[in-house]
Amino acid sequence: MTLDEQKKHFAEFTKKMAETMLKKGFDYAGADRLSNFKLAGAITGTSGQLNCLNLIATKVARLGVLLHTNKVNNESISDSILDLANYAVLLDQLQHERQINKNSRTIKRAFRT
């Protein structure tokens, strides 16, 4: 793949990532687009980040099977790769939100003393 082909593929892939993530967000959550990860984490006694990481691990395992057997009946390998990339972005969003909340709590504590 040439550099130009790589740039074109990357642009197309990330555009599809955004479209898919934003569209699926309407199906899975309300105003807080990360709420299902947080709720599932709370249900299992972990965090939204660990719940998302678990979904990433499951997606990687599925991809391994699909790539090894090359037998696809439902979700394509390309769809699985797209989901994996989006889960990574969602994990980054969860981590970013956690850091913002942590910084906010630190600032509030500083003003209480």
C-alpha atoms as a PDB file:
ATOM      1  CA  MET A   1       0.000   0.000   0.000  1.00  0.00           C
ATOM      2  CA  THR A   2       1.414   3.362  -0.985  1.00  0.00           C
ATOM      3  CA  LEU A   3       1.336   6.403   1.283  1.00  0.00           C
ATOM      4  CA  ASP A   4      -1.478   7.949  -0.769  1.00  0.00           C
ATOM      5  CA  GLU A   5      -3.485   4.707  -0.621  1.00  0.00           C
ATOM      6  CA  GLN A   6      -2.879   4.533   3.115  1.00  0.00           C
ATOM      7  CA  LYS A   7      -4.040   8.129   3.632  1.00  0.00           C
ATOM      8  CA  LYS A   8      -7.178   7.499   1.573  1.00  0.00           C
ATOM      9  CA  HIS A   9      -7.979   4.270   3.428  1.00  0.00           C
ATOM     10  CA  PHE A  10      -7.407   5.935   6.802  1.00  0.00           C
ATOM     11  CA  ALA A  11      -9.706   8.843   5.929  1.00  0.00           C
ATOM     12  CA  GLU A  12     -12.444   6.495   4.708  1.00  0.00           C
ATOM     13  CA  PHE A  13     -12.072   4.209   7.726  1.00  0.00           C
ATOM     14  CA  THR A  14     -12.174   6.986  10.319  1.00  0.00           C
ATOM     15  CA  LYS A  15     -15.183   8.565   8.569  1.00  0.00           C
ATOM     16  CA  LYS A  16     -16.982   5.217   8.778  1.00  0.00           C
ATOM     17  CA  MET A  17     -15.908   4.899  12.435  1.00  0.00           C
ATOM     18  CA  ALA A  18     -17.499   8.234  13.296  1.00  0.00           C
ATOM     19  CA  GLU A  19     -20.700   7.482  11.396  1.00  0.00           C
ATOM     20  CA  THR A  20     -21.037   4.078  13.047  1.00  0.00           C
ATOM     21  CA  MET A  21     -20.246   5.283  16.566  1.00  0.00           C
ATOM     22  CA  LEU A  22     -22.616   8.220  16.439  1.00  0.00           C
ATOM     23  CA  LYS A  23     -25.412   6.157  14.883  1.00  0.00           C
ATOM     24  CA  LYS A  24     -25.070   3.284  17.368  1.00  0.00           C
ATOM     25  CA  GLY A  25     -24.935   5.739  20.256  1.00  0.00           C
ATOM     26  CA  PHE A  26     -28.567   6.634  19.605  1.00  0.00           C
ATOM     27  CA  ASP A  27     -29.500   2.955  19.984  1.00  0.00           C
ATOM     28  CA  TYR A  28     -27.476   2.300  23.127  1.00  0.00           C
ATOM     29  CA  ALA A  29     -27.616   5.442  25.253  1.00  0.00           C
ATOM     30  CA  GLY A  30     -29.313   8.733  25.991  1.00  0.00           C
ATOM     31  CA  ALA A  31     -27.612  12.016  26.793  1.00  0.00           C
ATOM     32  CA  ASP A  32     -24.616  10.268  28.387  1.00  0.00           C
ATOM     33  CA  ARG A  33     -23.272   8.273  25.463  1.00  0.00           C
ATOM     34  CA  LEU A  34     -21.032   6.268  27.794  1.00  0.00           C
ATOM     35  CA  SER A  35     -23.765   5.345  30.282  1.00  0.00           C
ATOM     36  CA  ASN A  36     -24.084   1.681  29.287  1.00  0.00           C
ATOM     37  CA  PHE A  37     -20.393   1.068  29.898  1.00  0.00           C
ATOM     38  CA  LYS A  38     -20.639   2.731  33.306  1.00  0.00           C
ATOM     39  CA  LEU A  39     -23.825   0.852  34.244  1.00  0.00           C
ATOM     40  CA  ALA A  40     -22.399  -2.512  33.181  1.00  0.00           C
ATOM     41  CA  GLY A  41     -19.250  -1.737  35.152  1.00  0.00           C
ATOM     42  CA  ALA A  42     -21.320  -0.895  38.230  1.00  0.00           C
ATOM     43  CA  ILE A  43     -23.360  -4.091  37.841  1.00  0.00           C
ATOM     44  CA  THR A  44     -20.202  -6.197  37.710  1.00  0.00           C
ATOM     45  CA  GLY A  45     -18.448  -4.247  40.464  1.00  0.00           C
ATOM     46  CA  THR A  46     -15.800  -2.780  38.178  1.00  0.00           C
ATOM     47  CA  SER A  47     -15.678   0.387  36.095  1.00  0.00           C
ATOM     48  CA  GLY A  48     -16.867   1.573  32.723  1.00  0.00           C
ATOM     49  CA  GLN A  49     -13.278   1.390  31.519  1.00  0.00           C
ATOM     50  CA  LEU A  50     -12.871  -2.254  32.536  1.00  0.00           C
ATOM     51  CA  ASN A  51     -16.225  -3.130  31.015  1.00  0.00           C
ATOM     52  CA  CYS A  52     -15.133  -1.556  27.738  1.00  0.00           C
ATOM     53  CA  LEU A  53     -11.784  -3.338  27.932  1.00  0.00           C
ATOM     54  CA  ASN A  54     -13.640  -6.622  28.377  1.00  0.00           C
ATOM     55  CA  LEU A  55     -15.616  -5.909  25.200  1.00  0.00           C
ATOM     56  CA  ILE A  56     -12.348  -5.162  23.398  1.00  0.00           C
ATOM     57  CA  ALA A  57     -10.920  -8.499  24.566  1.00  0.00           C
ATOM     58  CA  THR A  58     -14.049 -10.308  23.389  1.00  0.00           C
ATOM     59  CA  LYS A  59     -13.869  -8.578  20.007  1.00  0.00           C
ATOM     60  CA  VAL A  60     -10.175  -9.518  19.662  1.00  0.00           C
ATOM     61  CA  ALA A  61     -11.019 -13.153  20.461  1.00  0.00           C
ATOM     62  CA  ARG A  62     -13.801 -13.168  17.858  1.00  0.00           C
ATOM     63  CA  LEU A  63     -11.503 -11.607  15.297  1.00  0.00           C
ATOM     64  CA  GLY A  64      -8.927 -14.294  15.985  1.00  0.00           C
ATOM     65  CA  VAL A  65     -11.489 -16.969  15.239  1.00  0.00           C
ATOM     66  CA  LEU A  66     -12.726 -15.199  12.106  1.00  0.00           C
ATOM     67  CA  LEU A  67      -9.205 -14.650  10.779  1.00  0.00           C
ATOM     68  CA  HIS A  68      -8.161 -18.199  11.592  1.00  0.00           C
ATOM     69  CA  THR A  69     -11.179 -19.961  10.106  1.00  0.00           C
ATOM     70  CA  ASN A  70     -12.063 -17.326   7.504  1.00  0.00           C
ATOM     71  CA  LYS A  71     -15.628 -18.560   7.986  1.00  0.00           C
ATOM     72  CA  VAL A  72     -17.944 -15.572   8.330  1.00  0.00           C
ATOM     73  CA  ASN A  73     -21.685 -16.091   8.641  1.00  0.00           C
ATOM     74  CA  ASN A  74     -22.889 -12.874  10.244  1.00  0.00           C
ATOM     75  CA  GLU A  75     -20.539 -10.066  11.172  1.00  0.00           C
ATOM     76  CA  SER A  76     -17.756  -9.510   8.654  1.00  0.00           C
ATOM     77  CA  ILE A  77     -14.097  -9.234   9.558  1.00  0.00           C
ATOM     78  CA  SER A  78     -14.202  -5.593   8.426  1.00  0.00           C
ATOM     79  CA  ASP A  79     -17.173  -4.880  10.717  1.00  0.00           C
ATOM     80  CA  SER A  80     -15.352  -6.502  13.627  1.00  0.00           C
ATOM     81  CA  ILE A  81     -12.242  -4.402  12.994  1.00  0.00           C
ATOM     82  CA  LEU A  82     -14.394  -1.267  12.843  1.00  0.00           C
ATOM     83  CA  ASP A  83     -16.064  -2.188  16.145  1.00  0.00           C
ATOM     84  CA  LEU A  84     -12.677  -2.828  17.740  1.00  0.00           C
ATOM     85  CA  ALA A  85     -11.421   0.591  16.653  1.00  0.00           C
ATOM     86  CA  ASN A  86     -14.559   2.245  18.010  1.00  0.00           C
ATOM     87  CA  TYR A  87     -14.263   0.405  21.335  1.00  0.00           C
ATOM     88  CA  ALA A  88     -10.726   1.794  21.628  1.00  0.00           C
ATOM     89  CA  VAL A  89     -12.056   5.327  21.083  1.00  0.00           C
ATOM     90  CA  LEU A  90     -14.854   4.737  23.606  1.00  0.00           C
ATOM     91  CA  LEU A  91     -12.298   3.495  26.138  1.00  0.00           C
ATOM     92  CA  ASP A  92     -10.285   6.649  25.554  1.00  0.00           C
ATOM     93  CA  GLN A  93     -13.434   8.738  26.089  1.00  0.00           C
ATOM     94  CA  LEU A  94     -14.201   6.914  29.341  1.00  0.00           C
ATOM     95  CA  GLN A  95     -10.638   7.457  30.531  1.00  0.00           C
ATOM     96  CA  HIS A  96     -10.719  11.114  29.491  1.00  0.00           C
ATOM     97  CA  GLU A  97     -13.986  11.672  31.358  1.00  0.00           C
ATOM     98  CA  ARG A  98     -12.591   9.922  34.427  1.00  0.00           C
ATOM     99  CA  GLN A  99      -9.528  12.179  34.410  1.00  0.00           C
ATOM    100  CA  ILE A 100     -11.668  15.307  34.064  1.00  0.00           C
ATOM    101  CA  ASN A 101     -13.840  14.179  36.993  1.00  0.00           C
ATOM    102  CA  LYS A 102     -10.754  13.389  39.073  1.00  0.00           C
ATOM    103  CA  ASN A 103      -9.258  16.813  38.350  1.00  0.00           C
ATOM    104  CA  SER A 104     -12.571  18.470  39.221  1.00  0.00           C
ATOM    105  CA  ARG A 105     -12.729  16.664  42.574  1.00  0.00           C
ATOM    106  CA  THR A 106      -9.138  17.690  43.322  1.00  0.00           C
ATOM    107  CA  ILE A 107      -9.918  21.331  42.604  1.00  0.00           C
ATOM    108  CA  LYS A 108     -13.067  21.245  44.769  1.00  0.00           C
ATOM    109  CA  ARG A 109     -11.094  19.721  47.675  1.00  0.00           C
ATOM    110  CA  ALA A 110      -8.434  22.407  47.345  1.00  0.00           C
ATOM    111  CA  PHE A 111     -11.045  25.127  47.751  1.00  0.00           C
ATOM    112  CA  ARG A 112     -12.587  23.445  50.825  1.00  0.00           C
ATOM    113  CA  THR A 113      -9.386  23.658  52.842  1.00  0.00           C
END
